[in-house]
Amino acid sequence: MLSSSKIKWIRSLSQKKYRKQEGFFVAEGDKIVKELLDSTLEVRDLYATESWAADTVFPQGLNPQIVNSKELERISSLNTPNQALAVVKIPVKNPASIQLKGHFTLVLDNIQDPGNLGTIIRTADWFGIRNIVCSVDTAELYNPKVIQATMGSFMRVNVLYTQLDEFLLNIPANFPVIGAMLEGENLFKTTMPSEGIVVMGNESKGISQSIQDLVTSKIFIPRGSENKEQPESLNAAVAAGIILSQLSK
């Protein structure tokens, strides 16, 4: 049986300040937890139903604590708790370790919605993007909503946070920095480079001025028609998918 103090501690990890303080985050669900067990991330604790545990192979040294559905519900942040929940150590990451040459890297400037961030990470994974560099005011990777929306892609895509202006000022000379902006060139009529950085901005405000000043070229996604009743803009995650699809051609 889970103690009240353990339940309180696990639930506290749904808040950013406690994740930062403790150095752990929570991941839930059959698919995500099973992928975690095969990843390089360090799983500190694992809570699972008896039926799920009986059908799962665990790494040496990791012994799941069997809980019933009521206990799982008490520690879960999901509306409908799944069969397993893992407490995972937050890894240390270094933006300087990113290999830019020969690849596309996605840069996110102040993306606020956790669902958008999670979907962007999942989409980047689909198109083979291995690194995403986020501004410090972008939604946090280890927010439970982000983790769920990635559907496990957070384990394959390296997501880092840093001061974007400093990061962009220290990239190789003449390395392409492509900004997704309304005043850019038509994405579908532009010859894209074979490597570079793609910058996407805030859902409503776009790319901040200080980062715009470091962009070397601009692109935009044209409307399908001139119908005035169309929405003013695309969802950030949808826009990312369209751009990454075009880059993969």
Protein backbone atom coordinates (compact mmCIF):
# COMPACT_ATOMS: atom_id res chain seq x y z
CA MET A 1 0.00 0.00 0.00
CA LEU A 2 1.24 3.48 -0.86
CA SER A 3 1.88 5.78 2.08
CA SER A 4 0.26 9.21 2.16
CA SER A 5 3.70 10.85 2.06
CA LYS A 6 4.66 8.88 -1.07
CA ILE A 7 1.38 9.80 -2.76
CA LYS A 8 1.93 13.46 -1.88
CA TRP A 9 5.49 13.39 -3.24
CA ILE A 10 4.52 11.77 -6.55
CA ARG A 11 1.63 14.18 -7.04
CA SER A 12 3.91 17.13 -6.29
CA LEU A 13 5.90 16.24 -9.42
CA SER A 14 2.98 17.45 -11.52
CA GLN A 15 4.20 20.96 -10.63
CA LYS A 16 7.25 22.49 -12.30
CA LYS A 17 8.82 23.88 -9.12
CA TYR A 18 8.87 20.47 -7.47
CA ARG A 19 10.19 18.74 -10.60
CA LYS A 20 13.03 21.25 -10.64
CA GLN A 21 13.61 20.91 -6.91
CA GLU A 22 13.53 17.10 -6.83
CA GLY A 23 15.04 16.39 -10.25
CA PHE A 24 12.35 13.90 -11.30
CA PHE A 25 9.32 13.79 -13.57
CA VAL A 26 6.37 11.42 -14.02
CA ALA A 27 5.49 9.44 -17.14
CA GLU A 28 2.33 7.37 -17.45
CA GLY A 29 0.72 4.83 -19.72
CA ASP A 30 1.45 1.40 -21.16
CA LYS A 31 3.30 2.53 -24.31
CA ILE A 32 5.37 5.32 -22.75
CA VAL A 33 6.43 3.34 -19.67
CA LYS A 34 7.41 0.26 -21.70
CA GLU A 35 9.53 2.46 -23.98
CA LEU A 36 11.11 4.03 -20.90
CA LEU A 37 12.18 0.60 -19.68
CA ASP A 38 14.13 0.13 -22.94
CA SER A 39 15.59 3.66 -22.94
CA THR A 40 18.72 5.14 -21.38
CA LEU A 41 16.68 7.24 -18.95
CA GLU A 42 16.88 6.31 -15.28
CA VAL A 43 13.59 5.06 -13.83
CA ARG A 44 13.62 5.64 -10.07
CA ASP A 45 10.26 4.09 -9.19
CA LEU A 46 7.62 2.17 -11.09
CA TYR A 47 4.02 1.66 -10.02
CA ALA A 48 1.87 -0.77 -11.96
CA THR A 49 -1.19 -2.95 -11.80
CA GLU A 50 -0.62 -6.64 -11.23
CA SER A 51 -1.85 -7.62 -14.70
CA TRP A 52 0.43 -5.08 -16.42
CA ALA A 53 3.47 -6.15 -14.41
CA ALA A 54 2.85 -9.82 -15.16
CA ASP A 55 3.05 -9.08 -18.89
CA THR A 56 6.16 -6.87 -18.76
CA VAL A 57 9.91 -7.57 -18.71
CA PHE A 58 11.79 -5.30 -16.31
CA PRO A 59 15.44 -4.25 -16.36
CA GLN A 60 17.65 -5.88 -13.76
CA GLY A 61 17.38 -4.10 -10.43
CA LEU A 62 14.04 -2.44 -11.11
CA ASN A 63 11.20 -3.95 -9.12
CA PRO A 64 7.75 -2.45 -9.71
CA GLN A 65 5.47 -1.71 -6.81
CA ILE A 66 2.13 -3.35 -7.45
CA VAL A 67 -0.82 -1.01 -6.92
CA ASN A 68 -4.54 -1.32 -7.47
CA SER A 69 -6.57 0.96 -9.71
CA LYS A 70 -7.64 3.17 -6.80
CA GLU A 71 -4.04 3.76 -5.71
CA LEU A 72 -2.98 4.46 -9.28
CA GLU A 73 -5.76 6.99 -9.57
CA ARG A 74 -4.47 8.81 -6.48
CA ILE A 75 -0.98 9.31 -7.91
CA SER A 76 -1.98 9.91 -11.53
CA SER A 77 -2.42 13.30 -13.20
CA LEU A 78 -4.55 11.78 -15.97
CA ASN A 79 -8.33 11.98 -16.02
CA THR A 80 -8.36 8.25 -16.75
CA PRO A 81 -5.28 6.62 -15.18
CA ASN A 82 -3.54 3.92 -17.19
CA GLN A 83 -1.88 0.74 -15.95
CA ALA A 84 1.59 2.03 -15.11
CA LEU A 85 3.33 5.14 -13.80
CA ALA A 86 7.08 5.78 -13.68
CA VAL A 87 9.10 8.34 -11.73
CA VAL A 88 12.08 9.24 -13.92
CA LYS A 89 15.29 11.18 -13.28
CA ILE A 90 15.58 14.40 -15.31
CA PRO A 91 18.77 14.11 -17.40
CA VAL A 92 21.37 16.87 -17.66
CA LYS A 93 21.65 18.28 -21.20
CA ASN A 94 24.15 20.60 -22.86
CA PRO A 95 23.19 22.73 -25.91
CA ALA A 96 26.86 22.88 -26.93
CA SER A 97 26.76 19.13 -27.63
CA ILE A 98 24.35 19.49 -30.57
CA GLN A 99 25.72 18.54 -33.99
CA LEU A 100 24.34 21.18 -36.36
CA LYS A 101 26.23 20.39 -39.55
CA GLY A 102 24.42 18.05 -41.92
CA HIS A 103 21.13 18.23 -40.03
CA PHE A 104 18.07 20.38 -39.48
CA THR A 105 17.54 21.60 -35.92
CA LEU A 106 14.24 23.02 -34.73
CA VAL A 107 14.29 26.13 -32.53
CA LEU A 108 11.16 27.08 -30.58
CA ASP A 109 10.75 30.64 -29.36
CA ASN A 110 8.24 30.95 -26.50
CA ILE A 111 5.84 28.14 -27.45
CA GLN A 112 3.39 28.27 -24.55
CA ASP A 113 0.87 25.48 -24.96
CA PRO A 114 2.06 22.12 -23.53
CA GLY A 115 -0.07 20.20 -26.03
CA ASN A 116 1.50 22.11 -28.92
CA LEU A 117 5.00 21.43 -27.63
CA GLY A 118 4.32 17.72 -27.18
CA THR A 119 2.83 17.42 -30.65
CA ILE A 120 5.75 19.32 -32.20
CA ILE A 121 8.19 16.91 -30.53
CA ARG A 122 6.21 13.92 -31.81
CA THR A 123 6.08 15.42 -35.32
CA ALA A 124 9.81 16.19 -35.26
CA ASP A 125 10.48 12.58 -34.31
CA TRP A 126 8.41 11.39 -37.29
CA PHE A 127 10.45 13.51 -39.70
CA GLY A 128 13.81 12.54 -38.23
CA ILE A 129 14.62 15.76 -36.36
CA ARG A 130 16.91 14.82 -33.50
CA ASN A 131 17.38 18.15 -31.70
CA ILE A 132 14.95 20.85 -30.58
CA VAL A 133 16.32 23.95 -28.85
CA CYS A 134 13.76 25.91 -26.82
CA SER A 135 13.78 29.36 -25.30
CA VAL A 136 13.70 29.35 -21.52
CA ASP A 137 10.12 30.68 -21.59
CA THR A 138 8.83 27.83 -23.78
CA ALA A 139 6.55 25.29 -22.07
CA GLU A 140 8.54 22.80 -20.02
CA LEU A 141 9.31 19.39 -21.52
CA TYR A 142 8.51 17.49 -18.33
CA ASN A 143 5.04 18.95 -17.89
CA PRO A 144 2.75 15.85 -17.78
CA LYS A 145 0.68 17.21 -20.68
CA VAL A 146 3.81 17.55 -22.83
CA ILE A 147 5.03 14.05 -21.95
CA GLN A 148 1.65 12.53 -22.82
CA ALA A 149 1.36 14.46 -26.10
CA THR A 150 4.78 13.25 -27.28
CA MET A 151 3.61 9.61 -27.11
CA GLY A 152 7.17 8.61 -26.20
CA SER A 153 9.00 10.83 -28.70
CA PHE A 154 10.64 12.80 -25.87
CA MET A 155 12.96 9.79 -25.47
CA ARG A 156 14.21 10.02 -29.07
CA VAL A 157 14.28 13.78 -29.65
CA ASN A 158 16.86 15.77 -27.69
CA VAL A 159 14.98 18.78 -26.27
CA LEU A 160 17.07 21.49 -24.62
CA TYR A 161 16.46 24.93 -23.11
CA THR A 162 18.78 27.91 -23.42
CA GLN A 163 18.99 31.62 -24.22
CA LEU A 164 18.23 31.53 -27.94
CA ASP A 165 20.11 34.68 -28.89
CA GLU A 166 23.30 33.34 -27.32
CA PHE A 167 22.79 29.97 -28.99
CA LEU A 168 22.25 31.50 -32.45
CA LEU A 169 25.20 33.86 -32.07
CA ASN A 170 27.50 30.89 -31.53
CA ILE A 171 26.53 28.70 -34.49
CA PRO A 172 28.95 28.20 -37.43
CA ALA A 173 29.39 31.17 -39.77
CA ASN A 174 26.92 31.33 -42.68
CA PHE A 175 24.84 28.48 -41.25
CA PRO A 176 21.21 28.89 -42.44
CA VAL A 177 18.72 30.17 -39.86
CA ILE A 178 15.22 29.99 -41.35
CA GLY A 179 12.40 31.84 -39.62
CA ALA A 180 8.73 30.91 -40.03
CA MET A 181 7.24 34.39 -40.51
CA LEU A 182 4.28 35.93 -42.31
CA GLU A 183 6.50 38.21 -44.41
CA GLY A 184 8.62 35.29 -45.63
CA GLU A 185 8.84 33.53 -48.98
CA ASN A 186 6.28 30.94 -50.00
CA LEU A 187 7.42 27.66 -48.41
CA PHE A 188 6.32 25.63 -51.43
CA LYS A 189 8.21 27.81 -53.93
CA THR A 190 11.42 28.17 -51.95
CA THR A 191 14.53 26.07 -52.50
CA MET A 192 15.46 24.89 -49.04
CA PRO A 193 19.04 24.20 -47.93
CA SER A 194 20.20 20.70 -47.03
CA GLU A 195 20.91 21.71 -43.43
CA GLY A 196 20.02 24.53 -41.08
CA ILE A 197 18.02 25.82 -38.16
CA VAL A 198 14.27 26.36 -38.42
CA VAL A 199 12.83 28.88 -35.95
CA MET A 200 9.17 28.85 -34.94
CA GLY A 201 7.67 31.50 -32.70
CA ASN A 202 4.97 32.02 -30.12
CA GLU A 203 1.43 30.96 -31.03
CA SER A 204 0.11 34.54 -31.12
CA LYS A 205 3.15 36.85 -31.22
CA GLY A 206 5.45 34.92 -33.52
CA ILE A 207 9.24 35.10 -33.30
CA SER A 208 10.59 37.72 -30.90
CA GLN A 209 12.40 40.69 -32.45
CA SER A 210 15.81 39.81 -31.00
CA ILE A 211 15.61 36.38 -32.67
CA GLN A 212 14.22 37.81 -35.91
CA ASP A 213 17.40 39.88 -36.16
CA LEU A 214 19.43 36.65 -36.30
CA VAL A 215 17.33 34.95 -38.99
CA THR A 216 19.05 34.64 -42.39
CA SER A 217 15.93 33.80 -44.44
CA LYS A 218 12.17 33.77 -43.93
CA ILE A 219 9.43 31.39 -45.03
CA PHE A 220 5.66 31.30 -44.68
CA ILE A 221 2.89 28.79 -45.33
CA PRO A 222 0.45 30.26 -47.87
CA ARG A 223 -3.30 30.00 -47.46
CA GLY A 224 -5.15 27.51 -49.61
CA SER A 225 -7.39 30.28 -50.94
CA GLU A 226 -8.25 33.93 -50.39
CA ASN A 227 -11.46 33.12 -48.54
CA LYS A 228 -11.79 35.87 -45.91
CA GLU A 229 -13.55 33.49 -43.54
CA GLN A 230 -10.41 31.38 -43.12
CA PRO A 231 -8.60 31.43 -39.74
CA GLU A 232 -5.94 34.11 -39.22
CA SER A 233 -3.18 31.61 -38.55
CA LEU A 234 -2.30 27.93 -38.27
CA ASN A 235 -1.88 26.04 -35.04
CA ALA A 236 1.85 26.00 -34.16
CA ALA A 237 2.09 22.21 -34.19
CA VAL A 238 0.29 21.97 -37.54
CA ALA A 239 2.61 24.61 -39.02
CA ALA A 240 5.63 22.70 -37.73
CA GLY A 241 4.37 19.53 -39.40
CA ILE A 242 3.92 21.25 -42.77
CA ILE A 243 7.38 22.84 -42.65
CA LEU A 244 9.15 19.66 -41.54
CA SER A 245 7.35 17.68 -44.22
CA GLN A 246 8.63 20.10 -46.85
CA LEU A 247 12.18 19.90 -45.48
CA SER A 248 12.12 16.12 -45.70
CA LYS A 249 11.52 16.10 -49.47
